[in-house]
């Protein structure tokens, strides 16, 4: 799943994104240069970053960052929404570790 940050960026879309990935593998929240937020599980850390606007710190597996339960945590969802909003279209850094 991807969120179009230019057109379909809502709290509900962030909830759906968080719920779309289970918490069994590492993942990284990323924003593409064309304004789509997505969770990457196949490329994390510094892998495949050439076409990214920015990337967030990697979320470790089994950390409670993703999945249905994480998507029900209103505080977490709002935190991620705010971080995405703060880094699109202008970013604080190419690697976002504080949000």
Foldseek 3Di string as FASTA:
>chain_A
DKAQQVPGQDLVVLLCQQAVDAQAAKWKWFAFLNRITHIDRVDFDPPPLPGTLAIEHIDGGPNLRGHNSNSPPSVSSVVVSVQSVAPPPNHPDNYHYDD
